[in-house]
Amino acid sequence: MSILRVLLAIFFPPLAVIDQGCGSVVIVFLLTLAGWVPGVIAALVILNRAR
């Protein structure tokens, strides 16, 4: 996980997970709409999971 991805996850979570698939982007986008913190947490979890 690069520092750029972490910064994107903090400031605009859906953009940070754009290459993880459509489902991840939609989930993070909806969580960001519900509240900024859940979106950031979801983005960081998705970026941190093992590939």
PDB file of N, CA and C in Angstrom:
ATOM      1  N   MET A   1       0.861  -1.159   0.000  1.00  0.00           N
ATOM      2  CA  MET A   1       0.000   0.000   0.000  1.00  0.00           C
ATOM      3  C   MET A   1       0.914   1.230   0.000  1.00  0.00           C
ATOM      4  N   SER A   2       0.791   2.015  -1.042  1.00  0.00           N
ATOM      5  CA  SER A   2       1.652   3.188  -1.166  1.00  0.00           C
ATOM      6  C   SER A   2       1.081   4.366  -0.383  1.00  0.00           C
ATOM      7  N   ILE A   3       1.924   5.338  -0.140  1.00  0.00           N
ATOM      8  CA  ILE A   3       1.513   6.524   0.609  1.00  0.00           C
ATOM      9  C   ILE A   3       0.481   7.314  -0.180  1.00  0.00           C
ATOM     10  N   LEU A   4       0.568   7.291  -1.514  1.00  0.00           N
ATOM     11  CA  LEU A   4      -0.425   7.973  -2.349  1.00  0.00           C
ATOM     12  C   LEU A   4      -1.801   7.347  -2.165  1.00  0.00           C
ATOM     13  N   ARG A   5      -1.846   6.023  -2.111  1.00  0.00           N
ATOM     14  CA  ARG A   5      -3.124   5.333  -1.904  1.00  0.00           C
ATOM     15  C   ARG A   5      -3.718   5.658  -0.539  1.00  0.00           C
ATOM     16  N   VAL A   6      -2.892   5.747   0.469  1.00  0.00           N
ATOM     17  CA  VAL A   6      -3.376   6.080   1.812  1.00  0.00           C
ATOM     18  C   VAL A   6      -3.943   7.499   1.825  1.00  0.00           C
ATOM     19  N   LEU A   7      -3.242   8.426   1.199  1.00  0.00           N
ATOM     20  CA  LEU A   7      -3.742   9.803   1.130  1.00  0.00           C
ATOM     21  C   LEU A   7      -5.049   9.883   0.341  1.00  0.00           C
ATOM     22  N   LEU A   8      -5.138   9.154  -0.757  1.00  0.00           N
ATOM     23  CA  LEU A   8      -6.397   9.117  -1.508  1.00  0.00           C
ATOM     24  C   LEU A   8      -7.513   8.504  -0.676  1.00  0.00           C
ATOM     25  N   ALA A   9      -7.203   7.466   0.076  1.00  0.00           N
ATOM     26  CA  ALA A   9      -8.217   6.825   0.916  1.00  0.00           C
ATOM     27  C   ALA A   9      -8.713   7.772   1.993  1.00  0.00           C
ATOM     28  N   ILE A  10      -7.868   8.668   2.452  1.00  0.00           N
ATOM     29  CA  ILE A  10      -8.278   9.611   3.490  1.00  0.00           C
ATOM     30  C   ILE A  10      -9.098  10.750   2.899  1.00  0.00           C
ATOM     31  N   PHE A  11      -8.661  11.289   1.769  1.00  0.00           N
ATOM     32  CA  PHE A  11      -9.324  12.471   1.219  1.00  0.00           C
ATOM     33  C   PHE A  11     -10.458  12.157   0.250  1.00  0.00           C
ATOM     34  N   PHE A  12     -10.356  11.108  -0.535  1.00  0.00           N
ATOM     35  CA  PHE A  12     -11.427  10.707  -1.458  1.00  0.00           C
ATOM     36  C   PHE A  12     -11.421   9.188  -1.597  1.00  0.00           C
ATOM     37  N   PRO A  13     -12.066   8.502  -0.660  1.00  0.00           N
ATOM     38  CA  PRO A  13     -11.987   7.033  -0.593  1.00  0.00           C
ATOM     39  C   PRO A  13     -12.346   6.275  -1.873  1.00  0.00           C
ATOM     40  N   PRO A  14     -13.410   6.646  -2.619  1.00  0.00           N
ATOM     41  CA  PRO A  14     -13.710   5.858  -3.823  1.00  0.00           C
ATOM     42  C   PRO A  14     -12.601   5.888  -4.870  1.00  0.00           C
ATOM     43  N   LEU A  15     -11.887   6.988  -4.960  1.00  0.00           N
ATOM     44  CA  LEU A  15     -10.808   7.080  -5.940  1.00  0.00           C
ATOM     45  C   LEU A  15      -9.645   6.162  -5.575  1.00  0.00           C
ATOM     46  N   ALA A  16      -9.448   5.902  -4.314  1.00  0.00           N
ATOM     47  CA  ALA A  16      -8.347   5.051  -3.876  1.00  0.00           C
ATOM     48  C   ALA A  16      -8.558   3.591  -4.269  1.00  0.00           C
ATOM     49  N   VAL A  17      -9.803   3.147  -4.383  1.00  0.00           N
ATOM     50  CA  VAL A  17     -10.079   1.738  -4.685  1.00  0.00           C
ATOM     51  C   VAL A  17     -10.594   1.542  -6.106  1.00  0.00           C
ATOM     52  N   ILE A  18     -10.342   2.498  -6.983  1.00  0.00           N
ATOM     53  CA  ILE A  18     -10.885   2.453  -8.340  1.00  0.00           C
ATOM     54  C   ILE A  18     -10.406   1.224  -9.123  1.00  0.00           C
ATOM     55  N   ASP A  19      -9.224   0.729  -8.854  1.00  0.00           N
ATOM     56  CA  ASP A  19      -8.717  -0.430  -9.590  1.00  0.00           C
ATOM     57  C   ASP A  19      -9.038  -1.762  -8.908  1.00  0.00           C
ATOM     58  N   GLN A  20      -9.789  -1.736  -7.836  1.00  0.00           N
ATOM     59  CA  GLN A  20     -10.129  -2.954  -7.099  1.00  0.00           C
ATOM     60  C   GLN A  20     -11.413  -3.612  -7.594  1.00  0.00           C
ATOM     61  N   GLY A  21     -12.085  -2.995  -8.525  1.00  0.00           N
ATOM     62  CA  GLY A  21     -13.309  -3.552  -9.069  1.00  0.00           C
ATOM     63  C   GLY A  21     -14.506  -2.667  -8.787  1.00  0.00           C
ATOM     64  N   CYS A  22     -15.526  -2.856  -9.582  1.00  0.00           N
ATOM     65  CA  CYS A  22     -16.721  -2.008  -9.496  1.00  0.00           C
ATOM     66  C   CYS A  22     -17.437  -2.162  -8.158  1.00  0.00           C
ATOM     67  N   GLY A  23     -17.506  -3.366  -7.643  1.00  0.00           N
ATOM     68  CA  GLY A  23     -18.193  -3.597  -6.377  1.00  0.00           C
ATOM     69  C   GLY A  23     -17.544  -2.866  -5.219  1.00  0.00           C
ATOM     70  N   SER A  24     -16.239  -2.863  -5.183  1.00  0.00           N
ATOM     71  CA  SER A  24     -15.520  -2.163  -4.114  1.00  0.00           C
ATOM     72  C   SER A  24     -15.745  -0.660  -4.194  1.00  0.00           C
ATOM     73  N   VAL A  25     -15.732  -0.128  -5.408  1.00  0.00           N
ATOM     74  CA  VAL A  25     -15.941   1.309  -5.591  1.00  0.00           C
ATOM     75  C   VAL A  25     -17.340   1.705  -5.143  1.00  0.00           C
ATOM     76  N   VAL A  26     -18.326   0.907  -5.501  1.00  0.00           N
ATOM     77  CA  VAL A  26     -19.713   1.208  -5.127  1.00  0.00           C
ATOM     78  C   VAL A  26     -19.890   1.138  -3.613  1.00  0.00           C
ATOM     79  N   ILE A  27     -19.347   0.121  -2.987  1.00  0.00           N
ATOM     80  CA  ILE A  27     -19.468  -0.020  -1.535  1.00  0.00           C
ATOM     81  C   ILE A  27     -18.809   1.149  -0.815  1.00  0.00           C
ATOM     82  N   VAL A  28     -17.602   1.481  -1.232  1.00  0.00           N
ATOM     83  CA  VAL A  28     -16.892   2.588  -0.588  1.00  0.00           C
ATOM     84  C   VAL A  28     -17.613   3.906  -0.851  1.00  0.00           C
ATOM     85  N   PHE A  29     -18.149   4.092  -2.054  1.00  0.00           N
ATOM     86  CA  PHE A  29     -18.879   5.309  -2.365  1.00  0.00           C
ATOM     87  C   PHE A  29     -20.121   5.453  -1.489  1.00  0.00           C
ATOM     88  N   LEU A  30     -20.865   4.372  -1.339  1.00  0.00           N
ATOM     89  CA  LEU A  30     -22.072   4.426  -0.504  1.00  0.00           C
ATOM     90  C   LEU A  30     -21.727   4.663   0.965  1.00  0.00           C
ATOM     91  N   LEU A  31     -20.673   4.041   1.446  1.00  0.00           N
ATOM     92  CA  LEU A  31     -20.255   4.273   2.824  1.00  0.00           C
ATOM     93  C   LEU A  31     -19.750   5.696   3.020  1.00  0.00           C
ATOM     94  N   THR A  32     -19.102   6.256   2.008  1.00  0.00           N
ATOM     95  CA  THR A  32     -18.650   7.640   2.091  1.00  0.00           C
ATOM     96  C   THR A  32     -19.841   8.589   2.118  1.00  0.00           C
ATOM     97  N   LEU A  33     -20.874   8.278   1.364  1.00  0.00           N
ATOM     98  CA  LEU A  33     -22.090   9.102   1.404  1.00  0.00           C
ATOM     99  C   LEU A  33     -22.764   9.029   2.770  1.00  0.00           C
ATOM    100  N   ALA A  34     -22.717   7.856   3.390  1.00  0.00           N
ATOM    101  CA  ALA A  34     -23.327   7.690   4.711  1.00  0.00           C
ATOM    102  C   ALA A  34     -22.529   8.416   5.789  1.00  0.00           C
ATOM    103  N   GLY A  35     -21.256   8.563   5.567  1.00  0.00           N
ATOM    104  CA  GLY A  35     -20.385   9.237   6.519  1.00  0.00           C
ATOM    105  C   GLY A  35     -18.953   9.083   6.065  1.00  0.00           C
ATOM    106  N   TRP A  36     -18.171  10.097   6.283  1.00  0.00           N
ATOM    107  CA  TRP A  36     -16.800  10.087   5.765  1.00  0.00           C
ATOM    108  C   TRP A  36     -15.957   8.995   6.413  1.00  0.00           C
ATOM    109  N   VAL A  37     -16.079   8.817   7.706  1.00  0.00           N
ATOM    110  CA  VAL A  37     -15.246   7.849   8.432  1.00  0.00           C
ATOM    111  C   VAL A  37     -15.494   6.408   7.966  1.00  0.00           C
ATOM    112  N   PRO A  38     -16.737   5.951   7.817  1.00  0.00           N
ATOM    113  CA  PRO A  38     -16.923   4.576   7.312  1.00  0.00           C
ATOM    114  C   PRO A  38     -16.328   4.364   5.922  1.00  0.00           C
ATOM    115  N   GLY A  39     -16.382   5.371   5.074  1.00  0.00           N
ATOM    116  CA  GLY A  39     -15.794   5.268   3.744  1.00  0.00           C
ATOM    117  C   GLY A  39     -14.284   5.136   3.803  1.00  0.00           C
ATOM    118  N   VAL A  40     -13.656   5.907   4.675  1.00  0.00           N
ATOM    119  CA  VAL A  40     -12.200   5.841   4.830  1.00  0.00           C
ATOM    120  C   VAL A  40     -11.791   4.482   5.386  1.00  0.00           C
ATOM    121  N   ILE A  41     -12.497   4.005   6.379  1.00  0.00           N
ATOM    122  CA  ILE A  41     -12.174   2.702   6.969  1.00  0.00           C
ATOM    123  C   ILE A  41     -12.325   1.587   5.933  1.00  0.00           C
ATOM    124  N   ALA A  42     -13.415   1.609   5.176  1.00  0.00           N
ATOM    125  CA  ALA A  42     -13.636   0.581   4.155  1.00  0.00           C
ATOM    126  C   ALA A  42     -12.554   0.630   3.084  1.00  0.00           C
ATOM    127  N   ALA A  43     -12.176   1.824   2.661  1.00  0.00           N
ATOM    128  CA  ALA A  43     -11.128   1.952   1.646  1.00  0.00           C
ATOM    129  C   ALA A  43      -9.802   1.412   2.163  1.00  0.00           C
ATOM    130  N   LEU A  44      -9.465   1.730   3.391  1.00  0.00           N
ATOM    131  CA  LEU A  44      -8.206   1.235   3.952  1.00  0.00           C
ATOM    132  C   LEU A  44      -8.223  -0.279   4.125  1.00  0.00           C
ATOM    133  N   VAL A  45      -9.357  -0.836   4.512  1.00  0.00           N
ATOM    134  CA  VAL A  45      -9.465  -2.292   4.649  1.00  0.00           C
ATOM    135  C   VAL A  45      -9.322  -2.970   3.288  1.00  0.00           C
ATOM    136  N   ILE A  46      -9.980  -2.424   2.271  1.00  0.00           N
ATOM    137  CA  ILE A  46      -9.890  -3.009   0.935  1.00  0.00           C
ATOM    138  C   ILE A  46      -8.472  -2.911   0.397  1.00  0.00           C
ATOM    139  N   LEU A  47      -7.818  -1.781   0.616  1.00  0.00           N
ATOM    140  CA  LEU A  47      -6.444  -1.629   0.136  1.00  0.00           C
ATOM    141  C   LEU A  47      -5.465  -2.505   0.898  1.00  0.00           C
ATOM    142  N   ASN A  48      -5.776  -2.806   2.140  1.00  0.00           N
ATOM    143  CA  ASN A  48      -4.850  -3.570   2.981  1.00  0.00           C
ATOM    144  C   ASN A  48      -5.023  -5.080   2.866  1.00  0.00           C
ATOM    145  N   ARG A  49      -6.109  -5.531   2.285  1.00  0.00           N
ATOM    146  CA  ARG A  49      -6.318  -6.978   2.224  1.00  0.00           C
ATOM    147  C   ARG A  49      -5.334  -7.620   1.253  1.00  0.00           C
ATOM    148  N   ALA A  50      -4.955  -8.826   1.597  1.00  0.00           N
ATOM    149  CA  ALA A  50      -3.947  -9.553   0.797  1.00  0.00           C
ATOM    150  C   ALA A  50      -4.495  -9.904  -0.568  1.00  0.00           C
ATOM    151  N   ARG A  51      -3.634  -9.825  -1.567  1.00  0.00           N
ATOM    152  CA  ARG A  51      -4.053 -10.153  -2.925  1.00  0.00           C
ATOM    153  C   ARG A  51      -3.550 -11.494  -3.311  1.00  0.00           C
TER     154      ARG A  51
END
